[in-house]
PDB file of all heavy atoms in Angstrom:
ATOM      1  N   GLY A   1     117.450  91.761 128.522  1.00  0.00           N
ATOM      2  CA  GLY A   1     118.347  91.504 127.408  1.00  0.00           C
ATOM      3  C   GLY A   1     117.764  91.949 126.059  1.00  0.00           C
ATOM      4  O   GLY A   1     118.198  91.437 125.001  1.00  0.00           O
ATOM      5  N   LEU A   2     116.880  92.958 126.150  1.00  0.00           N
ATOM      6  CA  LEU A   2     116.177  93.437 124.882  1.00  0.00           C
ATOM      7  C   LEU A   2     116.669  94.834 124.485  1.00  0.00           C
ATOM      8  O   LEU A   2     115.932  95.599 123.911  1.00  0.00           O
ATOM      9  CB  LEU A   2     114.661  93.464 125.195  1.00  0.00           C
ATOM     10  CG  LEU A   2     114.058  92.095 125.491  1.00  0.00           C
ATOM     11  CD1 LEU A   2     112.602  92.257 125.873  1.00  0.00           C
ATOM     12  CD2 LEU A   2     114.156  91.172 124.245  1.00  0.00           C
ATOM     13  N   ALA A   3     117.925  95.135 124.826  1.00  0.00           N
ATOM     14  CA  ALA A   3     118.521  96.432 124.393  1.00  0.00           C
ATOM     15  C   ALA A   3     119.990  96.247 124.270  1.00  0.00           C
ATOM     16  O   ALA A   3     120.596  95.294 124.827  1.00  0.00           O
ATOM     17  CB  ALA A   3     118.302  97.475 125.442  1.00  0.00           C
ATOM     18  N   ILE A   4     120.570  97.034 123.418  1.00  0.00           N
ATOM     19  CA  ILE A   4     122.046  97.068 123.305  1.00  0.00           C
ATOM     20  C   ILE A   4     122.542  98.549 123.434  1.00  0.00           C
ATOM     21  O   ILE A   4     121.794  99.496 123.151  1.00  0.00           O
ATOM     22  CB  ILE A   4     122.495  96.538 121.926  1.00  0.00           C
ATOM     23  CG1 ILE A   4     122.002  97.453 120.768  1.00  0.00           C
ATOM     24  CG2 ILE A   4     122.198  95.095 121.728  1.00  0.00           C
ATOM     25  CD1 ILE A   4     122.676  97.155 119.409  1.00  0.00           C
ATOM     26  N   ASP A   5     123.727  98.672 123.937  1.00  0.00           N
ATOM     27  CA  ASP A   5     124.414  99.932 123.977  1.00  0.00           C
ATOM     28  C   ASP A   5     125.646  99.795 122.989  1.00  0.00           C
ATOM     29  O   ASP A   5     126.403  98.859 123.097  1.00  0.00           O
ATOM     30  CB  ASP A   5     124.933 100.302 125.400  1.00  0.00           C
ATOM     31  CG  ASP A   5     123.804 100.817 126.287  1.00  0.00           C
ATOM     32  OD1 ASP A   5     122.667 100.979 125.781  1.00  0.00           O
ATOM     33  OD2 ASP A   5     124.093 100.975 127.505  1.00  0.00           O
ATOM     34  N   VAL A   6     125.752 100.777 122.127  1.00  0.00           N
ATOM     35  CA  VAL A   6     126.926 100.858 121.245  1.00  0.00           C
ATOM     36  C   VAL A   6     127.869 101.797 121.902  1.00  0.00           C
ATOM     37  O   VAL A   6     127.557 102.543 122.877  1.00  0.00           O
ATOM     38  CB  VAL A   6     126.538 101.262 119.829  1.00  0.00           C
ATOM     39  CG1 VAL A   6     125.669 100.223 119.179  1.00  0.00           C
ATOM     40  CG2 VAL A   6     125.870 102.617 119.805  1.00  0.00           C
ATOM     41  N   PRO A   7     129.150 101.907 121.457  1.00  0.00           N
ATOM     42  CA  PRO A   7     130.127 102.773 122.103  1.00  0.00           C
ATOM     43  C   PRO A   7     129.762 104.229 122.085  1.00  0.00           C
ATOM     44  O   PRO A   7     129.067 104.705 121.226  1.00  0.00           O
ATOM     45  CB  PRO A   7     131.430 102.522 121.229  1.00  0.00           C
ATOM     46  CG  PRO A   7     131.221 101.214 120.647  1.00  0.00           C
ATOM     47  CD  PRO A   7     129.733 101.123 120.397  1.00  0.00           C
ATOM     48  N   GLU A   8     130.270 104.971 123.081  1.00  0.00           N
ATOM     49  CA  GLU A   8     130.002 106.409 123.161  1.00  0.00           C
ATOM     50  C   GLU A   8     131.184 107.081 122.413  1.00  0.00           C
ATOM     51  O   GLU A   8     131.962 107.892 122.991  1.00  0.00           O
ATOM     52  CB  GLU A   8     129.992 106.864 124.579  1.00  0.00           C
ATOM     53  CG  GLU A   8     128.714 106.262 125.324  1.00  0.00           C
ATOM     54  CD  GLU A   8     128.716 106.722 126.744  1.00  0.00           C
ATOM     55  OE1 GLU A   8     128.777 107.959 127.052  1.00  0.00           O
ATOM     56  OE2 GLU A   8     128.505 105.850 127.670  1.00  0.00           O
ATOM     57  N   SER A   9     131.329 106.783 121.159  1.00  0.00           N
ATOM     58  CA  SER A   9     132.422 107.309 120.313  1.00  0.00           C
ATOM     59  C   SER A   9     131.779 108.246 119.278  1.00  0.00           C
ATOM     60  O   SER A   9     130.578 108.325 119.144  1.00  0.00           O
ATOM     61  CB  SER A   9     133.141 106.227 119.656  1.00  0.00           C
ATOM     62  OG  SER A   9     132.293 105.508 118.749  1.00  0.00           O
ATOM     63  N   HIS A  10     132.643 108.980 118.579  1.00  0.00           N
ATOM     64  CA  HIS A  10     132.149 109.995 117.638  1.00  0.00           C
ATOM     65  C   HIS A  10     131.298 109.345 116.540  1.00  0.00           C
ATOM     66  O   HIS A  10     130.196 109.820 116.174  1.00  0.00           O
ATOM     67  CB  HIS A  10     133.304 110.820 116.945  1.00  0.00           C
ATOM     68  CG  HIS A  10     132.802 111.774 115.932  1.00  0.00           C
ATOM     69  ND1 HIS A  10     132.105 112.913 116.241  1.00  0.00           N
ATOM     70  CD2 HIS A  10     132.878 111.686 114.559  1.00  0.00           C
ATOM     71  CE1 HIS A  10     131.776 113.553 115.142  1.00  0.00           C
ATOM     72  NE2 HIS A  10     132.225 112.829 114.096  1.00  0.00           N
ATOM     73  N   ALA A  11     131.720 108.199 116.015  1.00  0.00           N
ATOM     74  CA  ALA A  11     130.998 107.597 114.890  1.00  0.00           C
ATOM     75  C   ALA A  11     129.611 107.126 115.319  1.00  0.00           C
ATOM     76  O   ALA A  11     128.730 107.065 114.500  1.00  0.00           O
ATOM     77  CB  ALA A  11     131.836 106.417 114.376  1.00  0.00           C
ATOM     78  N   TYR A  12     129.424 106.891 116.624  1.00  0.00           N
ATOM     79  CA  TYR A  12     128.096 106.410 117.132  1.00  0.00           C
ATOM     80  C   TYR A  12     127.389 107.551 117.815  1.00  0.00           C
ATOM     81  O   TYR A  12     126.340 107.350 118.423  1.00  0.00           O
ATOM     82  CB  TYR A  12     128.290 105.285 118.087  1.00  0.00           C
ATOM     83  CG  TYR A  12     128.613 103.982 117.432  1.00  0.00           C
ATOM     84  CD1 TYR A  12     129.952 103.412 117.403  1.00  0.00           C
ATOM     85  CD2 TYR A  12     127.652 103.160 116.810  1.00  0.00           C
ATOM     86  CE1 TYR A  12     130.263 102.226 116.807  1.00  0.00           C
ATOM     87  CE2 TYR A  12     128.015 101.978 116.238  1.00  0.00           C
ATOM     88  CZ  TYR A  12     129.268 101.474 116.261  1.00  0.00           C
ATOM     89  OH  TYR A  12     129.556 100.242 115.625  1.00  0.00           O
ATOM     90  N   SER A  13     127.948 108.771 117.790  1.00  0.00           N
ATOM     91  CA  SER A  13     127.274 109.945 118.427  1.00  0.00           C
ATOM     92  C   SER A  13     126.163 110.481 117.515  1.00  0.00           C
ATOM     93  O   SER A  13     125.974 110.006 116.367  1.00  0.00           O
ATOM     94  CB  SER A  13     128.316 111.008 118.641  1.00  0.00           C
ATOM     95  OG  SER A  13     128.724 111.622 117.405  1.00  0.00           O
ATOM     96  N   PHE A  14     125.402 111.406 118.007  1.00  0.00           N
ATOM     97  CA  PHE A  14     124.260 111.995 117.268  1.00  0.00           C
ATOM     98  C   PHE A  14     124.737 112.437 115.870  1.00  0.00           C
ATOM     99  O   PHE A  14     123.914 112.475 114.937  1.00  0.00           O
ATOM    100  CB  PHE A  14     123.591 113.035 118.052  1.00  0.00           C
ATOM    101  CG  PHE A  14     122.751 112.511 119.209  1.00  0.00           C
ATOM    102  CD1 PHE A  14     123.217 112.814 120.504  1.00  0.00           C
ATOM    103  CD2 PHE A  14     121.670 111.778 118.996  1.00  0.00           C
ATOM    104  CE1 PHE A  14     122.501 112.344 121.560  1.00  0.00           C
ATOM    105  CE2 PHE A  14     120.919 111.292 120.075  1.00  0.00           C
ATOM    106  CZ  PHE A  14     121.306 111.590 121.383  1.00  0.00           C
ATOM    107  N   ARG A  15     126.004 112.897 115.704  1.00  0.00           N
ATOM    108  CA  ARG A  15     126.479 113.384 114.428  1.00  0.00           C
ATOM    109  C   ARG A  15     127.312 112.381 113.700  1.00  0.00           C
ATOM    110  O   ARG A  15     127.830 112.635 112.622  1.00  0.00           O
ATOM    111  CB  ARG A  15     127.314 114.690 114.637  1.00  0.00           C
ATOM    112  CG  ARG A  15     126.412 115.838 115.193  1.00  0.00           C
ATOM    113  CD  ARG A  15     127.260 116.915 115.817  1.00  0.00           C
ATOM    114  NE  ARG A  15     126.344 117.981 116.357  1.00  0.00           N
ATOM    115  CZ  ARG A  15     125.641 117.884 117.571  1.00  0.00           C
ATOM    116  NH1 ARG A  15     125.816 116.760 118.248  1.00  0.00           N
ATOM    117  NH2 ARG A  15     124.883 118.789 117.941  1.00  0.00           N
ATOM    118  N   GLY A  16     127.414 111.177 114.221  1.00  0.00           N
ATOM    119  CA  GLY A  16     128.207 110.188 113.655  1.00  0.00           C
ATOM    120  C   GLY A  16     127.544 109.347 112.536  1.00  0.00           C
ATOM    121  O   GLY A  16     126.325 109.210 112.564  1.00  0.00           O
ATOM    122  N   LYS A  17     128.323 108.784 111.677  1.00  0.00           N
ATOM    123  CA  LYS A  17     127.715 108.085 110.535  1.00  0.00           C
ATOM    124  C   LYS A  17     127.083 106.757 110.972  1.00  0.00           C
ATOM    125  O   LYS A  17     126.063 106.358 110.409  1.00  0.00           O
ATOM    126  CB  LYS A  17     128.813 107.800 109.440  1.00  0.00           C
ATOM    127  CG  LYS A  17     129.993 106.969 109.967  1.00  0.00           C
ATOM    128  CD  LYS A  17     131.030 106.763 108.905  1.00  0.00           C
ATOM    129  CE  LYS A  17     132.239 106.022 109.336  1.00  0.00           C
ATOM    130  NZ  LYS A  17     133.226 105.869 108.243  1.00  0.00           N
ATOM    131  N   TYR A  18     127.605 106.133 111.945  1.00  0.00           N
ATOM    132  CA  TYR A  18     127.026 104.835 112.437  1.00  0.00           C
ATOM    133  C   TYR A  18     125.679 105.086 113.118  1.00  0.00           C
ATOM    134  O   TYR A  18     124.719 104.438 112.875  1.00  0.00           O
ATOM    135  CB  TYR A  18     127.965 104.072 113.381  1.00  0.00           C
ATOM    136  CG  TYR A  18     129.313 103.734 112.754  1.00  0.00           C
ATOM    137  CD1 TYR A  18     130.455 103.511 113.566  1.00  0.00           C
ATOM    138  CD2 TYR A  18     129.496 103.607 111.351  1.00  0.00           C
ATOM    139  CE1 TYR A  18     131.636 103.117 113.056  1.00  0.00           C
ATOM    140  CE2 TYR A  18     130.704 103.203 110.849  1.00  0.00           C
ATOM    141  CZ  TYR A  18     131.792 103.027 111.685  1.00  0.00           C
ATOM    142  OH  TYR A  18     132.982 102.669 111.185  1.00  0.00           O
ATOM    143  N   TYR A  19     125.610 106.096 113.939  1.00  0.00           N
ATOM    144  CA  TYR A  19     124.337 106.450 114.590  1.00  0.00           C
ATOM    145  C   TYR A  19     123.321 106.803 113.546  1.00  0.00           C
ATOM    146  O   TYR A  19     122.197 106.325 113.638  1.00  0.00           O
ATOM    147  CB  TYR A  19     124.514 107.558 115.647  1.00  0.00           C
ATOM    148  CG  TYR A  19     123.153 108.134 116.063  1.00  0.00           C
ATOM    149  CD1 TYR A  19     122.409 107.458 117.033  1.00  0.00           C
ATOM    150  CD2 TYR A  19     122.639 109.267 115.446  1.00  0.00           C
ATOM    151  CE1 TYR A  19     121.204 107.927 117.431  1.00  0.00           C
ATOM    152  CE2 TYR A  19     121.375 109.703 115.824  1.00  0.00           C
ATOM    153  CZ  TYR A  19     120.670 109.077 116.815  1.00  0.00           C
ATOM    154  OH  TYR A  19     119.430 109.532 117.181  1.00  0.00           O
ATOM    155  N   LYS A  20     123.639 107.631 112.638  1.00  0.00           N
ATOM    156  CA  LYS A  20     122.666 108.109 111.585  1.00  0.00           C
ATOM    157  C   LYS A  20     122.136 106.871 110.833  1.00  0.00           C
ATOM    158  O   LYS A  20     120.940 106.863 110.505  1.00  0.00           O
ATOM    159  CB  LYS A  20     123.307 109.122 110.727  1.00  0.00           C
ATOM    160  CG  LYS A  20     123.573 110.462 111.395  1.00  0.00           C
ATOM    161  CD  LYS A  20     124.302 111.397 110.460  1.00  0.00           C
ATOM    162  CE  LYS A  20     124.601 112.738 111.153  1.00  0.00           C
ATOM    163  NZ  LYS A  20     125.303 113.701 110.246  1.00  0.00           N
ATOM    164  N   TRP A  21     123.013 105.940 110.532  1.00  0.00           N
ATOM    165  CA  TRP A  21     122.516 104.752 109.793  1.00  0.00           C
ATOM    166  C   TRP A  21     121.571 103.930 110.646  1.00  0.00           C
ATOM    167  O   TRP A  21     120.547 103.506 110.261  1.00  0.00           O
ATOM    168  CB  TRP A  21     123.691 103.937 109.306  1.00  0.00           C
ATOM    169  CG  TRP A  21     123.307 102.742 108.439  1.00  0.00           C
ATOM    170  CD1 TRP A  21     123.214 102.804 107.055  1.00  0.00           C
ATOM    171  CD2 TRP A  21     122.883 101.446 108.877  1.00  0.00           C
ATOM    172  NE1 TRP A  21     122.773 101.528 106.616  1.00  0.00           N
ATOM    173  CE2 TRP A  21     122.560 100.754 107.700  1.00  0.00           C
ATOM    174  CE3 TRP A  21     122.690 100.882 110.089  1.00  0.00           C
ATOM    175  CZ2 TRP A  21     122.095  99.392 107.714  1.00  0.00           C
ATOM    176  CZ3 TRP A  21     122.244  99.538 110.217  1.00  0.00           C
ATOM    177  CH2 TRP A  21     121.920  98.875 108.933  1.00  0.00           C
ATOM    178  N   LEU A  22     121.985 103.680 111.930  1.00  0.00           N
ATOM    179  CA  LEU A  22     121.172 102.872 112.854  1.00  0.00           C
ATOM    180  C   LEU A  22     119.806 103.532 113.107  1.00  0.00           C
ATOM    181  O   LEU A  22     118.769 102.896 113.091  1.00  0.00           O
ATOM    182  CB  LEU A  22     121.924 102.625 114.122  1.00  0.00           C
ATOM    183  CG  LEU A  22     123.092 101.725 114.101  1.00  0.00           C
ATOM    184  CD1 LEU A  22     123.941 101.828 115.370  1.00  0.00           C
ATOM    185  CD2 LEU A  22     122.645 100.291 113.848  1.00  0.00           C
ATOM    186  N   LYS A  23     119.807 104.892 113.271  1.00  0.00           N
ATOM    187  CA  LYS A  23     118.588 105.578 113.475  1.00  0.00           C
ATOM    188  C   LYS A  23     117.644 105.478 112.289  1.00  0.00           C
ATOM    189  O   LYS A  23     116.435 105.293 112.504  1.00  0.00           O
ATOM    190  CB  LYS A  23     118.905 107.074 113.734  1.00  0.00           C
ATOM    191  CG  LYS A  23     117.714 107.900 114.064  1.00  0.00           C
ATOM    192  CD  LYS A  23     117.084 107.702 115.386  1.00  0.00           C
ATOM    193  CE  LYS A  23     115.976 108.686 115.690  1.00  0.00           C
ATOM    194  NZ  LYS A  23     115.369 108.380 117.049  1.00  0.00           N
ATOM    195  N   SER A  24     118.183 105.538 111.099  1.00  0.00           N
ATOM    196  CA  SER A  24     117.401 105.464 109.872  1.00  0.00           C
ATOM    197  C   SER A  24     116.903 104.034 109.551  1.00  0.00           C
ATOM    198  O   SER A  24     115.879 103.832 108.932  1.00  0.00           O
ATOM    199  CB  SER A  24     118.173 106.012 108.707  1.00  0.00           C
ATOM    200  OG  SER A  24     118.427 107.401 108.950  1.00  0.00           O
ATOM    201  N   ASN A  25     117.716 103.043 109.897  1.00  0.00           N
ATOM    202  CA  ASN A  25     117.492 101.669 109.409  1.00  0.00           C
ATOM    203  C   ASN A  25     117.042 100.656 110.478  1.00  0.00           C
ATOM    204  O   ASN A  25     116.567  99.594 110.077  1.00  0.00           O
ATOM    205  CB  ASN A  25     118.708 101.193 108.736  1.00  0.00           C
ATOM    206  CG  ASN A  25     119.038 101.905 107.461  1.00  0.00           C
ATOM    207  OD1 ASN A  25     118.439 101.591 106.381  1.00  0.00           O
ATOM    208  ND2 ASN A  25     119.896 102.899 107.526  1.00  0.00           N
ATOM    209  N   SER A  26     117.268 100.963 111.711  1.00  0.00           N
ATOM    210  CA  SER A  26     117.005  99.942 112.752  1.00  0.00           C
ATOM    211  C   SER A  26     115.618  99.413 112.755  1.00  0.00           C
ATOM    212  O   SER A  26     115.323  98.219 113.079  1.00  0.00           O
ATOM    213  CB  SER A  26     117.336 100.442 114.136  1.00  0.00           C
ATOM    214  OG  SER A  26     116.663 101.624 114.455  1.00  0.00           O
ATOM    215  N   LYS A  27     114.540 100.208 112.442  1.00  0.00           N
ATOM    216  CA  LYS A  27     113.201  99.771 112.493  1.00  0.00           C
ATOM    217  C   LYS A  27     112.957  98.636 111.434  1.00  0.00           C
ATOM    218  O   LYS A  27     112.015  97.785 111.694  1.00  0.00           O
ATOM    219  CB  LYS A  27     112.260 100.913 112.200  1.00  0.00           C
ATOM    220  CG  LYS A  27     112.210 101.919 113.344  1.00  0.00           C
ATOM    221  CD  LYS A  27     111.217 103.110 113.035  1.00  0.00           C
ATOM    222  CE  LYS A  27     111.163 104.065 114.178  1.00  0.00           C
ATOM    223  NZ  LYS A  27     110.169 105.151 113.970  1.00  0.00           N
ATOM    224  N   LYS A  28     113.684  98.601 110.428  1.00  0.00           N
ATOM    225  CA  LYS A  28     113.522  97.512 109.450  1.00  0.00           C
ATOM    226  C   LYS A  28     113.888  96.149 110.100  1.00  0.00           C
ATOM    227  O   LYS A  28     113.344  95.146 109.593  1.00  0.00           O
ATOM    228  CB  LYS A  28     114.476  97.733 108.278  1.00  0.00           C
ATOM    229  CG  LYS A  28     114.308  98.970 107.450  1.00  0.00           C
ATOM    230  CD  LYS A  28     115.399  99.066 106.461  1.00  0.00           C
ATOM    231  CE  LYS A  28     115.394 100.392 105.731  1.00  0.00           C
ATOM    232  NZ  LYS A  28     116.511 100.557 104.684  1.00  0.00           N
ATOM    233  N   TYR A  29     114.621  96.182 111.144  1.00  0.00           N
ATOM    234  CA  TYR A  29     115.017  94.956 111.792  1.00  0.00           C
ATOM    235  C   TYR A  29     114.445  94.803 113.239  1.00  0.00           C
ATOM    236  O   TYR A  29     114.941  94.051 114.062  1.00  0.00           O
ATOM    237  CB  TYR A  29     116.504  94.881 111.841  1.00  0.00           C
ATOM    238  CG  TYR A  29     117.128  95.169 110.457  1.00  0.00           C
ATOM    239  CD1 TYR A  29     117.632  96.419 110.077  1.00  0.00           C
ATOM    240  CD2 TYR A  29     117.130  94.172 109.502  1.00  0.00           C
ATOM    241  CE1 TYR A  29     118.127  96.692 108.869  1.00  0.00           C
ATOM    242  CE2 TYR A  29     117.681  94.402 108.232  1.00  0.00           C
ATOM    243  CZ  TYR A  29     118.146  95.656 107.931  1.00  0.00           C
ATOM    244  OH  TYR A  29     118.637  95.888 106.643  1.00  0.00           O
ATOM    245  N   ASN A  30     113.368  95.570 113.477  1.00  0.00           N
ATOM    246  CA  ASN A  30     112.631  95.505 114.780  1.00  0.00           C
ATOM    247  C   ASN A  30     113.501  96.021 115.943  1.00  0.00           C
ATOM    248  O   ASN A  30     113.350  95.592 117.075  1.00  0.00           O
ATOM    249  CB  ASN A  30     112.200  94.076 115.072  1.00  0.00           C
ATOM    250  CG  ASN A  30     111.169  93.616 114.046  1.00  0.00           C
ATOM    251  OD1 ASN A  30     110.286  94.320 113.642  1.00  0.00           O
ATOM    252  ND2 ASN A  30     111.437  92.414 113.495  1.00  0.00           N
ATOM    253  N   TRP A  31     114.396  96.977 115.606  1.00  0.00           N
ATOM    254  CA  TRP A  31     115.139  97.687 116.632  1.00  0.00           C
ATOM    255  C   TRP A  31     114.808  99.195 116.523  1.00  0.00           C
ATOM    256  O   TRP A  31     114.513  99.612 115.433  1.00  0.00           O
ATOM    257  CB  TRP A  31     116.654  97.503 116.501  1.00  0.00           C
ATOM    258  CG  TRP A  31     117.044  96.082 116.981  1.00  0.00           C
ATOM    259  CD1 TRP A  31     117.037  94.876 116.262  1.00  0.00           C
ATOM    260  CD2 TRP A  31     117.620  95.769 118.235  1.00  0.00           C
ATOM    261  NE1 TRP A  31     117.463  93.906 116.987  1.00  0.00           N
ATOM    262  CE2 TRP A  31     117.831  94.373 118.235  1.00  0.00           C
ATOM    263  CE3 TRP A  31     117.906  96.508 119.399  1.00  0.00           C
ATOM    264  CZ2 TRP A  31     118.371  93.702 119.338  1.00  0.00           C
ATOM    265  CZ3 TRP A  31     118.446  95.873 120.489  1.00  0.00           C
ATOM    266  CH2 TRP A  31     118.638  94.485 120.466  1.00  0.00           C
ATOM    267  N   LEU A  32     114.889  99.902 117.651  1.00  0.00           N
ATOM    268  CA  LEU A  32     114.522 101.313 117.595  1.00  0.00           C
ATOM    269  C   LEU A  32     115.380 102.163 118.527  1.00  0.00           C
ATOM    270  O   LEU A  32     115.866 101.607 119.563  1.00  0.00           O
ATOM    271  CB  LEU A  32     113.044 101.507 117.790  1.00  0.00           C
ATOM    272  CG  LEU A  32     112.464 101.056 119.122  1.00  0.00           C
ATOM    273  CD1 LEU A  32     112.566 102.158 120.209  1.00  0.00           C
ATOM    274  CD2 LEU A  32     111.012 100.677 118.972  1.00  0.00           C
ATOM    275  N   HIS A  33     115.471 103.433 118.203  1.00  0.00           N
ATOM    276  CA  HIS A  33     116.063 104.416 119.143  1.00  0.00           C
ATOM    277  C   HIS A  33     114.861 105.326 119.545  1.00  0.00           C
ATOM    278  O   HIS A  33     114.309 105.990 118.723  1.00  0.00           O
ATOM    279  CB  HIS A  33     117.116 105.250 118.422  1.00  0.00           C
ATOM    280  CG  HIS A  33     117.767 106.231 119.310  1.00  0.00           C
ATOM    281  ND1 HIS A  33     117.403 107.538 119.315  1.00  0.00           N
ATOM    282  CD2 HIS A  33     118.817 106.131 120.201  1.00  0.00           C
ATOM    283  CE1 HIS A  33     118.167 108.224 120.199  1.00  0.00           C
ATOM    284  NE2 HIS A  33     118.978 107.405 120.731  1.00  0.00           N
ATOM    285  N   ARG A  34     114.544 105.275 120.835  1.00  0.00           N
ATOM    286  CA  ARG A  34     113.397 106.035 121.299  1.00  0.00           C
ATOM    287  C   ARG A  34     113.463 107.543 121.193  1.00  0.00           C
ATOM    288  O   ARG A  34     114.580 108.093 121.391  1.00  0.00           O
ATOM    289  CB  ARG A  34     113.073 105.627 122.742  1.00  0.00           C
ATOM    290  CG  ARG A  34     112.542 104.206 122.933  1.00  0.00           C
ATOM    291  CD  ARG A  34     112.066 103.938 124.291  1.00  0.00           C
ATOM    292  NE  ARG A  34     113.140 103.672 125.243  1.00  0.00           N
ATOM    293  CZ  ARG A  34     113.439 104.411 126.260  1.00  0.00           C
ATOM    294  NH1 ARG A  34     112.774 105.537 126.521  1.00  0.00           N
ATOM    295  NH2 ARG A  34     114.498 104.124 127.109  1.00  0.00           N
ATOM    296  N   LYS A  35     112.374 108.150 120.873  1.00  0.00           N
ATOM    297  CA  LYS A  35     112.381 109.593 120.731  1.00  0.00           C
ATOM    298  C   LYS A  35     112.801 110.342 122.022  1.00  0.00           C
ATOM    299  O   LYS A  35     113.372 111.417 121.960  1.00  0.00           O
ATOM    300  CB  LYS A  35     111.033 110.093 120.257  1.00  0.00           C
ATOM    301  CG  LYS A  35     110.637 109.736 118.855  1.00  0.00           C
ATOM    302  CD  LYS A  35     109.293 110.360 118.448  1.00  0.00           C
ATOM    303  CE  LYS A  35     109.397 111.870 118.275  1.00  0.00           C
ATOM    304  NZ  LYS A  35     110.220 112.232 117.115  1.00  0.00           N
ATOM    305  N   ASN A  36     112.486 109.804 123.145  1.00  0.00           N
ATOM    306  CA  ASN A  36     112.842 110.450 124.377  1.00  0.00           C
ATOM    307  C   ASN A  36     114.323 110.404 124.747  1.00  0.00           C
ATOM    308  O   ASN A  36     114.744 110.823 125.721  1.00  0.00           O
ATOM    309  CB  ASN A  36     111.943 109.956 125.546  1.00  0.00           C
ATOM    310  CG  ASN A  36     112.211 108.535 125.954  1.00  0.00           C
ATOM    311  OD1 ASN A  36     112.784 107.789 125.119  1.00  0.00           O
ATOM    312  ND2 ASN A  36     111.867 108.112 127.090  1.00  0.00           N
ATOM    313  N   LEU A  37     115.037 109.729 123.870  1.00  0.00           N
ATOM    314  CA  LEU A  37     116.477 109.654 124.049  1.00  0.00           C
ATOM    315  C   LEU A  37     117.269 110.530 123.020  1.00  0.00           C
ATOM    316  O   LEU A  37     118.481 110.525 122.965  1.00  0.00           O
ATOM    317  CB  LEU A  37     117.011 108.205 123.902  1.00  0.00           C
ATOM    318  CG  LEU A  37     116.484 107.190 124.967  1.00  0.00           C
ATOM    319  CD1 LEU A  37     116.958 105.843 124.614  1.00  0.00           C
ATOM    320  CD2 LEU A  37     116.852 107.620 126.347  1.00  0.00           C
ATOM    321  N   GLU A  38     116.518 111.267 122.215  1.00  0.00           N
ATOM    322  CA  GLU A  38     117.176 112.111 121.176  1.00  0.00           C
ATOM    323  C   GLU A  38     117.844 113.292 121.811  1.00  0.00           C
ATOM    324  O   GLU A  38     117.564 113.711 122.951  1.00  0.00           O
ATOM    325  CB  GLU A  38     116.152 112.508 120.145  1.00  0.00           C
ATOM    326  CG  GLU A  38     115.692 111.364 119.296  1.00  0.00           C
ATOM    327  CD  GLU A  38     114.656 111.702 118.272  1.00  0.00           C
ATOM    328  OE1 GLU A  38     114.217 112.896 118.276  1.00  0.00           O
ATOM    329  OE2 GLU A  38     114.231 110.855 117.482  1.00  0.00           O
ATOM    330  N   GLU A  39     118.717 113.947 121.087  1.00  0.00           N
ATOM    331  CA  GLU A  39     119.540 115.048 121.609  1.00  0.00           C
ATOM    332  C   GLU A  39     118.765 116.254 122.070  1.00  0.00           C
ATOM    333  O   GLU A  39     119.025 116.884 123.025  1.00  0.00           O
ATOM    334  CB  GLU A  39     120.569 115.459 120.543  1.00  0.00           C
ATOM    335  CG  GLU A  39     121.617 116.386 121.034  1.00  0.00           C
ATOM    336  CD  GLU A  39     122.724 116.715 120.095  1.00  0.00           C
ATOM    337  OE1 GLU A  39     122.496 116.370 118.893  1.00  0.00           O
ATOM    338  OE2 GLU A  39     123.738 117.220 120.502  1.00  0.00           O
ATOM    339  N   PHE A  40     117.715 116.521 121.276  1.00  0.00           N
ATOM    340  CA  PHE A  40     116.869 117.724 121.570  1.00  0.00           C
ATOM    341  C   PHE A  40     115.383 117.310 121.767  1.00  0.00           C
ATOM    342  O   PHE A  40     114.912 116.413 121.124  1.00  0.00           O
ATOM    343  CB  PHE A  40     117.033 118.764 120.507  1.00  0.00           C
ATOM    344  CG  PHE A  40     118.385 119.307 120.371  1.00  0.00           C
ATOM    345  CD1 PHE A  40     119.256 118.829 119.375  1.00  0.00           C
ATOM    346  CD2 PHE A  40     118.892 120.274 121.216  1.00  0.00           C
ATOM    347  CE1 PHE A  40     120.535 119.336 119.206  1.00  0.00           C
ATOM    348  CE2 PHE A  40     120.203 120.706 121.104  1.00  0.00           C
ATOM    349  CZ  PHE A  40     121.001 120.292 120.084  1.00  0.00           C
ATOM    350  N   ARG A  41     114.757 118.059 122.634  1.00  0.00           N
ATOM    351  CA  ARG A  41     113.289 117.804 122.841  1.00  0.00           C
ATOM    352  C   ARG A  41     112.497 118.584 121.726  1.00  0.00           C
ATOM    353  O   ARG A  41     113.077 119.302 120.937  1.00  0.00           O
ATOM    354  CB  ARG A  41     112.882 118.354 124.185  1.00  0.00           C
ATOM    355  CG  ARG A  41     113.460 117.513 125.366  1.00  0.00           C
ATOM    356  CD  ARG A  41     113.199 118.181 126.664  1.00  0.00           C
ATOM    357  NE  ARG A  41     113.483 117.290 127.801  1.00  0.00           N
ATOM    358  CZ  ARG A  41     113.694 117.612 129.034  1.00  0.00           C
ATOM    359  NH1 ARG A  41     113.706 118.889 129.312  1.00  0.00           N
ATOM    360  NH2 ARG A  41     113.815 116.698 129.988  1.00  0.00           N
ATOM    361  N   ALA A  42     111.181 118.304 121.714  1.00  0.00           N
ATOM    362  CA  ALA A  42     110.387 118.958 120.686  1.00  0.00           C
ATOM    363  C   ALA A  42     110.376 120.483 120.792  1.00  0.00           C
ATOM    364  O   ALA A  42     110.210 121.084 119.722  1.00  0.00           O
ATOM    365  CB  ALA A  42     108.939 118.413 120.886  1.00  0.00           C
ATOM    366  N   ASP A  43     110.634 121.013 121.918  1.00  0.00           N
ATOM    367  CA  ASP A  43     110.664 122.476 122.018  1.00  0.00           C
ATOM    368  C   ASP A  43     112.074 123.076 121.678  1.00  0.00           C
ATOM    369  O   ASP A  43     112.215 124.306 121.800  1.00  0.00           O
ATOM    370  CB  ASP A  43     110.207 122.930 123.394  1.00  0.00           C
ATOM    371  CG  ASP A  43     111.131 122.428 124.513  1.00  0.00           C
ATOM    372  OD1 ASP A  43     112.199 121.797 124.241  1.00  0.00           O
ATOM    373  OD2 ASP A  43     110.813 122.743 125.710  1.00  0.00           O
ATOM    374  N   GLY A  44     112.957 122.232 121.250  1.00  0.00           N
ATOM    375  CA  GLY A  44     114.289 122.698 120.899  1.00  0.00           C
ATOM    376  C   GLY A  44     115.339 122.650 122.065  1.00  0.00           C
ATOM    377  O   GLY A  44     116.517 122.859 121.841  1.00  0.00           O
TER     378      GLY A  44
END
């Protein structure tokens, strides 16, 4: 019970405004989006 999934909609997608806000601000509230779940790997 230590994770949430938000909708798979455009606003919550990698290019969506809600995702971008959550990605930037979630750490302030002890929530995070792990790097290994990002759209692209370090090699592109």
